[in-house]
Amino acid sequence: MRTKLLSDTRLYLMADCLSDNKKLAEVVTTGYSGRSVLDVISQSTLRRLIFTGLALTWAEVNSRGKRRAPNSGDVDLKPAFLEYLDDISGMPGFGDAMEQAGFVEVREDYVLTFPNFCDGNHLECERQDEKRKKAEQNRIYYEQKKRPNGQEDSANIQSTELRATVQNRTVQNKEEKKPSKKKVKKAGIVTADDVELPEYLNSDAGRKSVDEWLAHKREIKKTVTAAQLAKTFGKYETLAAFSAAVDHSIANGWTGLFAPDAAKGGGKAAGWRHAGPMTRRQQELADAKARLMAGSEQAALEDKTDG
């Protein structure tokens, strides 16, 4: 039911048919027996009474009517006749006016046909059928879900259409329950061959020094990226300076790479965090440093003795 119906030409046609109905004048008043109903109500009021009558009539059609054909928009109401529409609307002559306006067609065997009724309405019987069908689909789906190993009870699944619905829902649920892929952490630089070396390190000695630094980083469980190494390589200009920084940083257990002179004067490297227990490379450098210092002290003692 749409409010645009008040301006529909068919409603005006019904008003013209009912305007001279004396019985209608008696019904809408306290017993007026004049010539026309328009003597006591206006044309606009009459159209609104007809509007109300159409709403009551179509509610009955929606409740009891059935499609004339599966793909047709026409709806049949049976058993019914035009006087029955008068009783529903409460307005004498209402059924005849609907027929003249084209809202209803009279057929044989007490059948009234309402053309194109389903274009703007959904029949109650079809809604109930859809509800029952959906309830049956849900019942079969949950019964299928409860069965072990996906066993199928042919007595409960009565049609191919319902079985297809169950299978589609099962596949959809499996896809929704798929675990998300875990993010794989990318490994850092492992050897000198994994990164582009500057010119001063592009030699066997340079690669060896870089590999020593990378091995130290792996032992202390610190990954190194290509961007980090590029920044580190840019701090030095010679192989000797880079190798000295590698030996110095490994001996002190630093996670960063610093030249020996960076620790003088309490600079940043002097207070840098130690990586933890000494690694094998750190122990070797510490032992070599101790032997060197012992040798220097022995040489100095011999010089004093000779003097």
Foldseek 3Di string as FASTA:
>chain_A
DDPCVLVDVLLVQLLVVQQQPQVQLCQVDVGDRDRGNCVPPPSSVSSVLLVQLVVQVLVVCLAAWDDPDPPFLKIKHPQADLVNSCVRSVGPPSSVSCVVSQQWDDDPPNIIIGHNSNVPDDRPVVVVVVVVVVVLLVVLLVVQVPDPPSDDDCVSDPDPVSVVSSVVVVVVVVVVPDDDDDDDDDAADQFPVSEDADPQLPDPLSRVLRNLLNVLCVVLPHGHHRVNVVVVNVVDDHSVQQSQQSLVCLLQQANDGDHPCCPPPNHPVVPGDHSDDRDPSNVVSVVVVVVVVVVVVVVVVVVVVVD
